[in-house]
PDB file of N, CA and C in Angstrom:
ATOM      1  N   MET A   1      20.224 -28.251  82.713  1.00  0.00           N
ATOM      2  CA  MET A   1      21.116 -28.928  83.584  1.00  0.00           C
ATOM      3  C   MET A   1      22.489 -28.271  83.502  1.00  0.00           C
ATOM      4  N   THR A   2      23.053 -27.980  84.643  1.00  0.00           N
ATOM      5  CA  THR A   2      24.399 -27.355  84.675  1.00  0.00           C
ATOM      6  C   THR A   2      25.452 -28.412  84.459  1.00  0.00           C
ATOM      7  N   TYR A   3      26.671 -27.929  84.122  1.00  0.00           N
ATOM      8  CA  TYR A   3      27.787 -28.881  83.963  1.00  0.00           C
ATOM      9  C   TYR A   3      28.021 -29.622  85.269  1.00  0.00           C
ATOM     10  N   GLU A   4      27.915 -28.941  86.402  1.00  0.00           N
ATOM     11  CA  GLU A   4      28.152 -29.566  87.681  1.00  0.00           C
ATOM     12  C   GLU A   4      27.142 -30.696  87.938  1.00  0.00           C
ATOM     13  N   GLU A   5      25.880 -30.459  87.597  1.00  0.00           N
ATOM     14  CA  GLU A   5      24.835 -31.510  87.772  1.00  0.00           C
ATOM     15  C   GLU A   5      25.108 -32.657  86.829  1.00  0.00           C
ATOM     16  N   LEU A   6      25.481 -32.373  85.604  1.00  0.00           N
ATOM     17  CA  LEU A   6      25.816 -33.424  84.643  1.00  0.00           C
ATOM     18  C   LEU A   6      26.997 -34.247  85.115  1.00  0.00           C
ATOM     19  N   ILE A   7      28.008 -33.598  85.612  1.00  0.00           N
ATOM     20  CA  ILE A   7      29.200 -34.280  86.109  1.00  0.00           C
ATOM     21  C   ILE A   7      28.841 -35.158  87.288  1.00  0.00           C
ATOM     22  N   LYS A   8      28.044 -34.660  88.172  1.00  0.00           N
ATOM     23  CA  LYS A   8      27.616 -35.463  89.337  1.00  0.00           C
ATOM     24  C   LYS A   8      26.889 -36.704  88.906  1.00  0.00           C
ATOM     25  N   GLU A   9      25.991 -36.611  87.953  1.00  0.00           N
ATOM     26  CA  GLU A   9      25.262 -37.789  87.463  1.00  0.00           C
ATOM     27  C   GLU A   9      26.216 -38.766  86.770  1.00  0.00           C
ATOM     28  N   LEU A  10      27.121 -38.265  85.978  1.00  0.00           N
ATOM     29  CA  LEU A  10      28.094 -39.188  85.325  1.00  0.00           C
ATOM     30  C   LEU A  10      28.980 -39.849  86.382  1.00  0.00           C
ATOM     31  N   CYS A  11      29.390 -39.114  87.408  1.00  0.00           N
ATOM     32  CA  CYS A  11      30.201 -39.692  88.458  1.00  0.00           C
ATOM     33  C   CYS A  11      29.431 -40.780  89.221  1.00  0.00           C
ATOM     34  N   ASP A  12      28.167 -40.583  89.431  1.00  0.00           N
ATOM     35  CA  ASP A  12      27.348 -41.606  90.068  1.00  0.00           C
ATOM     36  C   ASP A  12      27.312 -42.886  89.216  1.00  0.00           C
ATOM     37  N   VAL A  13      27.242 -42.711  87.903  1.00  0.00           N
ATOM     38  CA  VAL A  13      27.274 -43.880  86.997  1.00  0.00           C
ATOM     39  C   VAL A  13      28.641 -44.566  87.078  1.00  0.00           C
ATOM     40  N   ILE A  14      29.693 -43.791  87.107  1.00  0.00           N
ATOM     41  CA  ILE A  14      31.061 -44.345  87.207  1.00  0.00           C
ATOM     42  C   ILE A  14      31.180 -45.191  88.477  1.00  0.00           C
ATOM     43  N   LYS A  15      30.805 -44.616  89.614  1.00  0.00           N
ATOM     44  CA  LYS A  15      30.930 -45.317  90.886  1.00  0.00           C
ATOM     45  C   LYS A  15      30.089 -46.589  90.915  1.00  0.00           C
ATOM     46  N   GLU A  16      28.862 -46.539  90.451  1.00  0.00           N
ATOM     47  CA  GLU A  16      28.014 -47.723  90.419  1.00  0.00           C
ATOM     48  C   GLU A  16      28.615 -48.787  89.513  1.00  0.00           C
ATOM     49  N   SER A  17      29.140 -48.343  88.389  1.00  0.00           N
ATOM     50  CA  SER A  17      29.807 -49.264  87.464  1.00  0.00           C
ATOM     51  C   SER A  17      30.987 -49.969  88.103  1.00  0.00           C
ATOM     52  N   GLU A  18      31.772 -49.216  88.834  1.00  0.00           N
ATOM     53  CA  GLU A  18      32.953 -49.803  89.495  1.00  0.00           C
ATOM     54  C   GLU A  18      32.522 -50.822  90.546  1.00  0.00           C
ATOM     55  N   ILE A  19      31.526 -50.494  91.321  1.00  0.00           N
ATOM     56  CA  ILE A  19      31.032 -51.406  92.390  1.00  0.00           C
ATOM     57  C   ILE A  19      30.498 -52.695  91.738  1.00  0.00           C
ATOM     58  N   ASN A  20      29.686 -52.535  90.685  1.00  0.00           N
ATOM     59  CA  ASN A  20      29.101 -53.720  90.038  1.00  0.00           C
ATOM     60  C   ASN A  20      30.194 -54.553  89.379  1.00  0.00           C
ATOM     61  N   SER A  21      31.184 -53.926  88.772  1.00  0.00           N
ATOM     62  CA  SER A  21      32.256 -54.671  88.118  1.00  0.00           C
ATOM     63  C   SER A  21      33.039 -55.508  89.120  1.00  0.00           C
ATOM     64  N   ILE A  22      33.337 -54.934  90.249  1.00  0.00           N
ATOM     65  CA  ILE A  22      34.082 -55.674  91.292  1.00  0.00           C
ATOM     66  C   ILE A  22      33.274 -56.879  91.739  1.00  0.00           C
ATOM     67  N   SER A  23      31.998 -56.674  91.973  1.00  0.00           N
ATOM     68  CA  SER A  23      31.130 -57.752  92.386  1.00  0.00           C
ATOM     69  C   SER A  23      31.061 -58.879  91.348  1.00  0.00           C
ATOM     70  N   ILE A  24      30.891 -58.502  90.114  1.00  0.00           N
ATOM     71  CA  ILE A  24      30.822 -59.492  89.027  1.00  0.00           C
ATOM     72  C   ILE A  24      32.117 -60.235  88.918  1.00  0.00           C
ATOM     73  N   TYR A  25      33.235 -59.524  88.955  1.00  0.00           N
ATOM     74  CA  TYR A  25      34.563 -60.137  88.875  1.00  0.00           C
ATOM     75  C   TYR A  25      34.756 -61.174  90.007  1.00  0.00           C
ATOM     76  N   GLU A  26      34.409 -60.756  91.225  1.00  0.00           N
ATOM     77  CA  GLU A  26      34.573 -61.664  92.390  1.00  0.00           C
ATOM     78  C   GLU A  26      33.710 -62.875  92.223  1.00  0.00           C
ATOM     79  N   ASN A  27      32.471 -62.716  91.773  1.00  0.00           N
ATOM     80  CA  ASN A  27      31.575 -63.855  91.554  1.00  0.00           C
ATOM     81  C   ASN A  27      32.114 -64.806  90.499  1.00  0.00           C
ATOM     82  N   LEU A  28      32.668 -64.256  89.412  1.00  0.00           N
ATOM     83  CA  LEU A  28      33.237 -65.094  88.371  1.00  0.00           C
ATOM     84  C   LEU A  28      34.448 -65.885  88.897  1.00  0.00           C
ATOM     85  N   GLU A  29      35.240 -65.258  89.742  1.00  0.00           N
ATOM     86  CA  GLU A  29      36.388 -65.936  90.332  1.00  0.00           C
ATOM     87  C   GLU A  29      35.958 -67.119  91.176  1.00  0.00           C
ATOM     88  N   ILE A  30      34.896 -66.919  91.974  1.00  0.00           N
ATOM     89  CA  ILE A  30      34.366 -67.993  92.823  1.00  0.00           C
ATOM     90  C   ILE A  30      33.841 -69.120  91.954  1.00  0.00           C
ATOM     91  N   ILE A  31      33.086 -68.786  90.920  1.00  0.00           N
ATOM     92  CA  ILE A  31      32.561 -69.816  90.023  1.00  0.00           C
ATOM     93  C   ILE A  31      33.698 -70.563  89.368  1.00  0.00           C
ATOM     94  N   ASP A  32      34.698 -69.840  88.885  1.00  0.00           N
ATOM     95  CA  ASP A  32      35.832 -70.454  88.217  1.00  0.00           C
ATOM     96  C   ASP A  32      36.538 -71.469  89.150  1.00  0.00           C
ATOM     97  N   GLN A  33      36.693 -71.106  90.414  1.00  0.00           N
ATOM     98  CA  GLN A  33      37.305 -71.998  91.396  1.00  0.00           C
ATOM     99  C   GLN A  33      36.394 -73.194  91.734  1.00  0.00           C
ATOM    100  N   GLU A  34      35.120 -72.959  91.825  1.00  0.00           N
ATOM    101  CA  GLU A  34      34.202 -74.000  92.208  1.00  0.00           C
ATOM    102  C   GLU A  34      33.985 -75.050  91.111  1.00  0.00           C
ATOM    103  N   ILE A  35      34.064 -74.670  89.880  1.00  0.00           N
ATOM    104  CA  ILE A  35      33.760 -75.658  88.823  1.00  0.00           C
ATOM    105  C   ILE A  35      34.768 -76.776  88.802  1.00  0.00           C
ATOM    106  N   ASP A  36      35.963 -76.543  89.344  1.00  0.00           N
ATOM    107  CA  ASP A  36      36.926 -77.640  89.406  1.00  0.00           C
ATOM    108  C   ASP A  36      36.473 -78.730  90.374  1.00  0.00           C
ATOM    109  N   THR A  37      35.595 -78.428  91.299  1.00  0.00           N
ATOM    110  CA  THR A  37      35.099 -79.436  92.256  1.00  0.00           C
ATOM    111  C   THR A  37      33.908 -80.208  91.698  1.00  0.00           C
ATOM    112  N   PHE A  38      33.355 -79.766  90.585  1.00  0.00           N
ATOM    113  CA  PHE A  38      32.198 -80.469  90.012  1.00  0.00           C
ATOM    114  C   PHE A  38      32.633 -81.643  89.172  1.00  0.00           C
ATOM    115  N   ASP A  39      31.797 -82.662  89.173  1.00  0.00           N
ATOM    116  CA  ASP A  39      32.072 -83.844  88.331  1.00  0.00           C
ATOM    117  C   ASP A  39      31.346 -83.649  87.007  1.00  0.00           C
ATOM    118  N   LEU A  40      31.994 -82.928  86.107  1.00  0.00           N
ATOM    119  CA  LEU A  40      31.396 -82.611  84.816  1.00  0.00           C
ATOM    120  C   LEU A  40      32.232 -83.216  83.697  1.00  0.00           C
ATOM    121  N   PRO A  41      31.589 -83.593  82.611  1.00  0.00           N
ATOM    122  CA  PRO A  41      32.355 -84.018  81.432  1.00  0.00           C
ATOM    123  C   PRO A  41      33.217 -82.855  80.962  1.00  0.00           C
ATOM    124  N   SER A  42      34.349 -83.179  80.371  1.00  0.00           N
ATOM    125  CA  SER A  42      35.302 -82.147  79.983  1.00  0.00           C
ATOM    126  C   SER A  42      34.738 -81.125  79.003  1.00  0.00           C
ATOM    127  N   HIS A  43      33.833 -81.548  78.094  1.00  0.00           N
ATOM    128  CA  HIS A  43      33.283 -80.616  77.134  1.00  0.00           C
ATOM    129  C   HIS A  43      32.349 -79.604  77.819  1.00  0.00           C
ATOM    130  N   LYS A  44      31.642 -80.025  78.866  1.00  0.00           N
ATOM    131  CA  LYS A  44      30.794 -79.094  79.604  1.00  0.00           C
ATOM    132  C   LYS A  44      31.637 -78.161  80.464  1.00  0.00           C
ATOM    133  N   LEU A  45      32.685 -78.707  81.057  1.00  0.00           N
ATOM    134  CA  LEU A  45      33.592 -77.879  81.835  1.00  0.00           C
ATOM    135  C   LEU A  45      34.228 -76.819  80.938  1.00  0.00           C
ATOM    136  N   LYS A  46      34.645 -77.199  79.763  1.00  0.00           N
ATOM    137  CA  LYS A  46      35.246 -76.274  78.807  1.00  0.00           C
ATOM    138  C   LYS A  46      34.251 -75.179  78.421  1.00  0.00           C
ATOM    139  N   LYS A  47      33.001 -75.543  78.219  1.00  0.00           N
ATOM    140  CA  LYS A  47      31.985 -74.563  77.833  1.00  0.00           C
ATOM    141  C   LYS A  47      31.765 -73.550  78.946  1.00  0.00           C
ATOM    142  N   ILE A  48      31.740 -74.007  80.193  1.00  0.00           N
ATOM    143  CA  ILE A  48      31.562 -73.094  81.305  1.00  0.00           C
ATOM    144  C   ILE A  48      32.779 -72.178  81.436  1.00  0.00           C
ATOM    145  N   GLN A  49      33.960 -72.741  81.297  1.00  0.00           N
ATOM    146  CA  GLN A  49      35.197 -71.908  81.371  1.00  0.00           C
ATOM    147  C   GLN A  49      35.227 -70.885  80.257  1.00  0.00           C
ATOM    148  N   ASP A  50      34.767 -71.265  79.066  1.00  0.00           N
ATOM    149  CA  ASP A  50      34.698 -70.298  77.967  1.00  0.00           C
ATOM    150  C   ASP A  50      33.728 -69.168  78.263  1.00  0.00           C
ATOM    151  N   LEU A  51      32.589 -69.489  78.857  1.00  0.00           N
ATOM    152  CA  LEU A  51      31.603 -68.453  79.239  1.00  0.00           C
ATOM    153  C   LEU A  51      32.202 -67.492  80.288  1.00  0.00           C
ATOM    154  N   ILE A  52      32.922 -68.052  81.230  1.00  0.00           N
ATOM    155  CA  ILE A  52      33.576 -67.210  82.224  1.00  0.00           C
ATOM    156  C   ILE A  52      34.594 -66.298  81.578  1.00  0.00           C
ATOM    157  N   PHE A  53      35.399 -66.857  80.673  1.00  0.00           N
ATOM    158  CA  PHE A  53      36.403 -66.055  79.969  1.00  0.00           C
ATOM    159  C   PHE A  53      35.731 -64.937  79.161  1.00  0.00           C
ATOM    160  N   ASP A  54      34.651 -65.280  78.466  1.00  0.00           N
ATOM    161  CA  ASP A  54      33.910 -64.252  77.705  1.00  0.00           C
ATOM    162  C   ASP A  54      33.361 -63.157  78.618  1.00  0.00           C
ATOM    163  N   SER A  55      32.941 -63.531  79.791  1.00  0.00           N
ATOM    164  CA  SER A  55      32.427 -62.551  80.767  1.00  0.00           C
ATOM    165  C   SER A  55      33.506 -61.593  81.230  1.00  0.00           C
ATOM    166  N   TYR A  56      34.719 -62.135  81.436  1.00  0.00           N
ATOM    167  CA  TYR A  56      35.857 -61.262  81.759  1.00  0.00           C
ATOM    168  C   TYR A  56      36.099 -60.263  80.642  1.00  0.00           C
ATOM    169  N   GLY A  57      35.983 -60.734  79.419  1.00  0.00           N
ATOM    170  CA  GLY A  57      36.166 -59.822  78.271  1.00  0.00           C
ATOM    171  C   GLY A  57      35.112 -58.728  78.239  1.00  0.00           C
ATOM    172  N   MET A  58      33.881 -59.072  78.564  1.00  0.00           N
ATOM    173  CA  MET A  58      32.818 -58.064  78.620  1.00  0.00           C
ATOM    174  C   MET A  58      33.055 -57.079  79.738  1.00  0.00           C
ATOM    175  N   LEU A  59      33.603 -57.513  80.840  1.00  0.00           N
ATOM    176  CA  LEU A  59      33.948 -56.608  81.942  1.00  0.00           C
ATOM    177  C   LEU A  59      35.021 -55.620  81.469  1.00  0.00           C
ATOM    178  N   GLN A  60      35.991 -56.090  80.726  1.00  0.00           N
ATOM    179  CA  GLN A  60      37.022 -55.191  80.224  1.00  0.00           C
ATOM    180  C   GLN A  60      36.437 -54.176  79.282  1.00  0.00           C
ATOM    181  N   HIS A  61      35.523 -54.627  78.445  1.00  0.00           N
ATOM    182  CA  HIS A  61      34.878 -53.713  77.496  1.00  0.00           C
ATOM    183  C   HIS A  61      34.075 -52.657  78.278  1.00  0.00           C
ATOM    184  N   GLN A  62      33.349 -53.082  79.308  1.00  0.00           N
ATOM    185  CA  GLN A  62      32.601 -52.156  80.118  1.00  0.00           C
ATOM    186  C   GLN A  62      33.520 -51.156  80.786  1.00  0.00           C
ATOM    187  N   ASP A  63      34.696 -51.628  81.218  1.00  0.00           N
ATOM    188  CA  ASP A  63      35.676 -50.749  81.853  1.00  0.00           C
ATOM    189  C   ASP A  63      36.170 -49.662  80.894  1.00  0.00           C
ATOM    190  N   LEU A  64      36.303 -50.013  79.608  1.00  0.00           N
ATOM    191  CA  LEU A  64      36.677 -49.002  78.610  1.00  0.00           C
ATOM    192  C   LEU A  64      35.631 -47.915  78.536  1.00  0.00           C
ATOM    193  N   HIS A  65      34.360 -48.278  78.608  1.00  0.00           N
ATOM    194  CA  HIS A  65      33.276 -47.293  78.582  1.00  0.00           C
ATOM    195  C   HIS A  65      33.300 -46.404  79.789  1.00  0.00           C
ATOM    196  N   ARG A  66      33.600 -47.027  80.958  1.00  0.00           N
ATOM    197  CA  ARG A  66      33.697 -46.239  82.187  1.00  0.00           C
ATOM    198  C   ARG A  66      34.844 -45.221  82.067  1.00  0.00           C
ATOM    199  N   GLN A  67      35.957 -45.648  81.487  1.00  0.00           N
ATOM    200  CA  GLN A  67      37.086 -44.742  81.276  1.00  0.00           C
ATOM    201  C   GLN A  67      36.748 -43.621  80.322  1.00  0.00           C
ATOM    202  N   LYS A  68      35.939 -43.900  79.308  1.00  0.00           N
ATOM    203  CA  LYS A  68      35.487 -42.829  78.402  1.00  0.00           C
ATOM    204  C   LYS A  68      34.669 -41.804  79.156  1.00  0.00           C
ATOM    205  N   ILE A  69      33.799 -42.277  80.026  1.00  0.00           N
ATOM    206  CA  ILE A  69      32.966 -41.351  80.792  1.00  0.00           C
ATOM    207  C   ILE A  69      33.869 -40.524  81.696  1.00  0.00           C
ATOM    208  N   GLU A  70      34.849 -41.119  82.351  1.00  0.00           N
ATOM    209  CA  GLU A  70      35.778 -40.384  83.184  1.00  0.00           C
ATOM    210  C   GLU A  70      36.489 -39.343  82.389  1.00  0.00           C
ATOM    211  N   ARG A  71      36.900 -39.691  81.148  1.00  0.00           N
ATOM    212  CA  ARG A  71      37.625 -38.739  80.307  1.00  0.00           C
ATOM    213  C   ARG A  71      36.718 -37.550  79.937  1.00  0.00           C
ATOM    214  N   VAL A  72      35.450 -37.832  79.675  1.00  0.00           N
ATOM    215  CA  VAL A  72      34.520 -36.755  79.376  1.00  0.00           C
ATOM    216  C   VAL A  72      34.363 -35.852  80.590  1.00  0.00           C
ATOM    217  N   VAL A  73      34.166 -36.420  81.760  1.00  0.00           N
ATOM    218  CA  VAL A  73      34.028 -35.648  82.981  1.00  0.00           C
ATOM    219  C   VAL A  73      35.267 -34.782  83.215  1.00  0.00           C
ATOM    220  N   ASN A  74      36.450 -35.389  83.110  1.00  0.00           N
ATOM    221  CA  ASN A  74      37.643 -34.587  83.306  1.00  0.00           C
ATOM    222  C   ASN A  74      37.811 -33.486  82.260  1.00  0.00           C
ATOM    223  N   HIS A  75      37.400 -33.778  81.044  1.00  0.00           N
ATOM    224  CA  HIS A  75      37.495 -32.784  79.955  1.00  0.00           C
ATOM    225  C   HIS A  75      36.526 -31.621  80.256  1.00  0.00           C
ATOM    226  N   VAL A  76      35.309 -31.937  80.636  1.00  0.00           N
ATOM    227  CA  VAL A  76      34.312 -30.874  80.939  1.00  0.00           C
ATOM    228  C   VAL A  76      34.789 -30.033  82.098  1.00  0.00           C
ATOM    229  N   CYS A  77      35.362 -30.680  83.117  1.00  0.00           N
ATOM    230  CA  CYS A  77      35.867 -29.947  84.277  1.00  0.00           C
ATOM    231  C   CYS A  77      36.996 -29.003  83.855  1.00  0.00           C
ATOM    232  N   GLU A  78      37.915 -29.538  83.075  1.00  0.00           N
ATOM    233  CA  GLU A  78      39.050 -28.726  82.623  1.00  0.00           C
ATOM    234  C   GLU A  78      38.592 -27.557  81.789  1.00  0.00           C
ATOM    235  N   ARG A  79      37.673 -27.770  80.856  1.00  0.00           N
ATOM    236  CA  ARG A  79      37.238 -26.714  79.956  1.00  0.00           C
ATOM    237  C   ARG A  79      36.394 -25.650  80.625  1.00  0.00           C
ATOM    238  N   ASN A  80      35.793 -26.002  81.773  1.00  0.00           N
ATOM    239  CA  ASN A  80      34.886 -25.070  82.437  1.00  0.00           C
ATOM    240  C   ASN A  80      35.409 -24.619  83.800  1.00  0.00           C
ATOM    241  N   ASN A  81      36.704 -24.843  84.024  1.00  0.00           N
ATOM    242  CA  ASN A  81      37.320 -24.455  85.290  1.00  0.00           C
ATOM    243  C   ASN A  81      36.579 -24.968  86.506  1.00  0.00           C
ATOM    244  N   ILE A  82      36.212 -26.253  86.461  1.00  0.00           N
ATOM    245  CA  ILE A  82      35.517 -26.902  87.567  1.00  0.00           C
ATOM    246  C   ILE A  82      36.537 -27.781  88.307  1.00  0.00           C
ATOM    247  N   ASP A  83      36.569 -27.717  89.604  1.00  0.00           N
ATOM    248  CA  ASP A  83      37.486 -28.510  90.390  1.00  0.00           C
ATOM    249  C   ASP A  83      37.056 -29.981  90.386  1.00  0.00           C
ATOM    250  N   ALA A  84      37.767 -30.803  89.608  1.00  0.00           N
ATOM    251  CA  ALA A  84      37.408 -32.213  89.451  1.00  0.00           C
ATOM    252  C   ALA A  84      37.625 -33.015  90.716  1.00  0.00           C
ATOM    253  N   THR A  85      38.485 -32.524  91.631  1.00  0.00           N
ATOM    254  CA  THR A  85      38.788 -33.278  92.833  1.00  0.00           C
ATOM    255  C   THR A  85      37.545 -33.450  93.721  1.00  0.00           C
ATOM    256  N   GLN A  86      36.606 -32.559  93.596  1.00  0.00           N
ATOM    257  CA  GLN A  86      35.418 -32.665  94.420  1.00  0.00           C
ATOM    258  C   GLN A  86      34.528 -33.846  94.033  1.00  0.00           C
ATOM    259  N   TYR A  87      34.771 -34.418  92.887  1.00  0.00           N
ATOM    260  CA  TYR A  87      33.956 -35.536  92.394  1.00  0.00           C
ATOM    261  C   TYR A  87      34.654 -36.905  92.645  1.00  0.00           C
ATOM    262  N   ASN A  88      35.877 -36.864  93.146  1.00  0.00           N
ATOM    263  CA  ASN A  88      36.575 -38.051  93.580  1.00  0.00           C
ATOM    264  C   ASN A  88      36.677 -39.118  92.462  1.00  0.00           C
ATOM    265  N   ILE A  89      37.053 -38.698  91.284  1.00  0.00           N
ATOM    266  CA  ILE A  89      37.270 -39.627  90.202  1.00  0.00           C
ATOM    267  C   ILE A  89      38.734 -39.597  89.785  1.00  0.00           C
ATOM    268  N   ALA A  90      39.140 -40.661  89.140  1.00  0.00           N
ATOM    269  CA  ALA A  90      40.552 -40.749  88.689  1.00  0.00           C
ATOM    270  C   ALA A  90      40.801 -39.793  87.547  1.00  0.00           C
ATOM    271  N   PRO A  91      42.028 -39.354  87.438  1.00  0.00           N
ATOM    272  CA  PRO A  91      42.366 -38.565  86.260  1.00  0.00           C
ATOM    273  C   PRO A  91      42.239 -39.455  85.018  1.00  0.00           C
ATOM    274  N   SER A  92      42.053 -38.849  83.885  1.00  0.00           N
ATOM    275  CA  SER A  92      41.871 -39.640  82.647  1.00  0.00           C
ATOM    276  C   SER A  92      43.084 -40.473  82.389  1.00  0.00           C
ATOM    277  N   ALA A  93      42.824 -41.713  81.970  1.00  0.00           N
ATOM    278  CA  ALA A  93      43.931 -42.587  81.617  1.00  0.00           C
ATOM    279  C   ALA A  93      44.613 -42.108  80.376  1.00  0.00           C
ATOM    280  N   LYS A  94      45.899 -42.270  80.322  1.00  0.00           N
ATOM    281  CA  LYS A  94      46.650 -41.915  79.121  1.00  0.00           C
ATOM    282  C   LYS A  94      46.685 -43.113  78.175  1.00  0.00           C
ATOM    283  N   ASN A  95      46.492 -42.845  76.908  1.00  0.00           N
ATOM    284  CA  ASN A  95      46.474 -43.917  75.923  1.00  0.00           C
ATOM    285  C   ASN A  95      47.868 -44.287  75.490  1.00  0.00           C
ATOM    286  N   ILE A  96      48.104 -45.552  75.236  1.00  0.00           N
ATOM    287  CA  ILE A  96      49.372 -45.996  74.674  1.00  0.00           C
ATOM    288  C   ILE A  96      49.362 -45.611  73.201  1.00  0.00           C
ATOM    289  N   SER A  97      50.415 -45.008  72.764  1.00  0.00           N
ATOM    290  CA  SER A  97      50.474 -44.430  71.437  1.00  0.00           C
ATOM    291  C   SER A  97      50.298 -45.522  70.332  1.00  0.00           C
ATOM    292  N   ASN A  98      50.694 -46.725  70.564  1.00  0.00           N
ATOM    293  CA  ASN A  98      50.572 -47.755  69.536  1.00  0.00           C
ATOM    294  C   ASN A  98      49.241 -48.463  69.568  1.00  0.00           C
ATOM    295  N   ASN A  99      48.335 -48.069  70.423  1.00  0.00           N
ATOM    296  CA  ASN A  99      47.050 -48.698  70.531  1.00  0.00           C
ATOM    297  C   ASN A  99      46.190 -48.409  69.316  1.00  0.00           C
ATOM    298  N   GLU A 100      45.824 -49.457  68.621  1.00  0.00           N
ATOM    299  CA  GLU A 100      45.023 -49.326  67.395  1.00  0.00           C
ATOM    300  C   GLU A 100      43.549 -49.519  67.685  1.00  0.00           C
ATOM    301  N   SER A 101      43.173 -49.585  68.925  1.00  0.00           N
ATOM    302  CA  SER A 101      41.787 -49.882  69.299  1.00  0.00           C
ATOM    303  C   SER A 101      40.815 -48.821  68.783  1.00  0.00           C
ATOM    304  N   GLY A 102      39.664 -49.255  68.322  1.00  0.00           N
ATOM    305  CA  GLY A 102      38.617 -48.348  67.895  1.00  0.00           C
ATOM    306  C   GLY A 102      37.834 -47.810  69.072  1.00  0.00           C
ATOM    307  N   ASP A 103      38.195 -48.237  70.289  1.00  0.00           N
ATOM    308  CA  ASP A 103      37.472 -47.804  71.491  1.00  0.00           C
ATOM    309  C   ASP A 103      37.961 -46.489  72.058  1.00  0.00           C
ATOM    310  N   LEU A 104      39.005 -45.902  71.450  1.00  0.00           N
ATOM    311  CA  LEU A 104      39.551 -44.648  71.952  1.00  0.00           C
ATOM    312  C   LEU A 104      38.703 -43.475  71.486  1.00  0.00           C
ATOM    313  N   VAL A 105      38.647 -42.439  72.284  1.00  0.00           N
ATOM    314  CA  VAL A 105      37.918 -41.248  71.946  1.00  0.00           C
ATOM    315  C   VAL A 105      38.923 -40.144  71.683  1.00  0.00           C
ATOM    316  N   SER A 106      38.875 -39.586  70.490  1.00  0.00           N
ATOM    317  CA  SER A 106      39.787 -38.520  70.158  1.00  0.00           C
ATOM    318  C   SER A 106      39.314 -37.199  70.782  1.00  0.00           C
ATOM    319  N   ASP A 107      40.233 -36.220  70.804  1.00  0.00           N
ATOM    320  CA  ASP A 107      39.868 -34.910  71.350  1.00  0.00           C
ATOM    321  C   ASP A 107      38.752 -34.277  70.490  1.00  0.00           C
ATOM    322  N   ASP A 108      38.745 -34.490  69.193  1.00  0.00           N
ATOM    323  CA  ASP A 108      37.697 -33.953  68.316  1.00  0.00           C
ATOM    324  C   ASP A 108      36.355 -34.592  68.674  1.00  0.00           C
ATOM    325  N   GLU A 109      36.362 -35.911  68.941  1.00  0.00           N
ATOM    326  CA  GLU A 109      35.109 -36.590  69.315  1.00  0.00           C
ATOM    327  C   GLU A 109      34.610 -36.067  70.658  1.00  0.00           C
ATOM    328  N   LEU A 110      35.540 -35.770  71.576  1.00  0.00           N
ATOM    329  CA  LEU A 110      35.142 -35.225  72.871  1.00  0.00           C
ATOM    330  C   LEU A 110      34.499 -33.857  72.690  1.00  0.00           C
ATOM    331  N   GLU A 111      35.108 -33.022  71.862  1.00  0.00           N
ATOM    332  CA  GLU A 111      34.564 -31.694  71.609  1.00  0.00           C
ATOM    333  C   GLU A 111      33.155 -31.805  71.015  1.00  0.00           C
ATOM    334  N   ALA A 112      32.974 -32.688  70.039  1.00  0.00           N
ATOM    335  CA  ALA A 112      31.640 -32.875  69.402  1.00  0.00           C
ATOM    336  C   ALA A 112      30.631 -33.346  70.433  1.00  0.00           C
ATOM    337  N   LEU A 113      31.054 -34.257  71.343  1.00  0.00           N
ATOM    338  CA  LEU A 113      30.134 -34.779  72.356  1.00  0.00           C
ATOM    339  C   LEU A 113      29.728 -33.646  73.305  1.00  0.00           C
ATOM    340  N   ILE A 114      30.692 -32.813  73.720  1.00  0.00           N
ATOM    341  CA  ILE A 114      30.376 -31.702  74.624  1.00  0.00           C
ATOM    342  C   ILE A 114      29.424 -30.731  73.950  1.00  0.00           C
ATOM    343  N   LYS A 115      29.675 -30.406  72.695  1.00  0.00           N
ATOM    344  CA  LYS A 115      28.808 -29.490  71.960  1.00  0.00           C
ATOM    345  C   LYS A 115      27.393 -30.044  71.810  1.00  0.00           C
ATOM    346  N   SER A 116      27.304 -31.357  71.530  1.00  0.00           N
ATOM    347  CA  SER A 116      25.971 -31.959  71.388  1.00  0.00           C
ATOM    348  C   SER A 116      25.208 -31.957  72.707  1.00  0.00           C
ATOM    349  N   MET A 117      25.929 -32.086  73.822  1.00  0.00           N
ATOM    350  CA  MET A 117      25.261 -32.007  75.127  1.00  0.00           C
ATOM    351  C   MET A 117      24.742 -30.628  75.361  1.00  0.00           C
ATOM    352  N   GLY A 118      25.478 -29.642  74.947  1.00  0.00           N
ATOM    353  CA  GLY A 118      25.024 -28.222  75.108  1.00  0.00           C
ATOM    354  C   GLY A 118      23.829 -27.934  74.233  1.00  0.00           C
ATOM    355  N   ASN A 119      23.725 -28.584  73.062  1.00  0.00           N
ATOM    356  CA  ASN A 119      22.597 -28.364  72.163  1.00  0.00           C
ATOM    357  C   ASN A 119      21.333 -29.088  72.628  1.00  0.00           C
ATOM    358  N   ALA A 120      21.509 -30.081  73.476  1.00  0.00           N
ATOM    359  CA  ALA A 120      20.384 -30.879  73.941  1.00  0.00           C
ATOM    360  C   ALA A 120      19.556 -30.128  74.986  1.00  0.00           C
ATOM    361  N   ASN A 121      20.120 -29.097  75.567  1.00  0.00           N
ATOM    362  CA  ASN A 121      19.371 -28.367  76.627  1.00  0.00           C
ATOM    363  C   ASN A 121      18.305 -27.476  76.044  1.00  0.00           C
TER     364      ASN A 121
END
């Protein structure tokens, strides 16, 4: 598999992920608005609201993974002189320097990932 083929497949995953995330988010908003019209005991209403809130958190986590994929794609394009604009993806997000999240991918981790992809062929 060439880098271009790999990038195309990853970009397809990114786009599908974005479409699904928007749909899920919109559905959760509708549910959140509709539950106020239901005649539910407060403890059940609270449980449903907590599930909705947890689902928003999972969407954020999924978005972090999508951003990691975008960063890998942009990195591969940059390292191999591939025009990233043809894939219509966003430039890699810049990390806030004070972010202590374990979800960030370092440049060394990116290099190791790229090398492991090359060894898989």
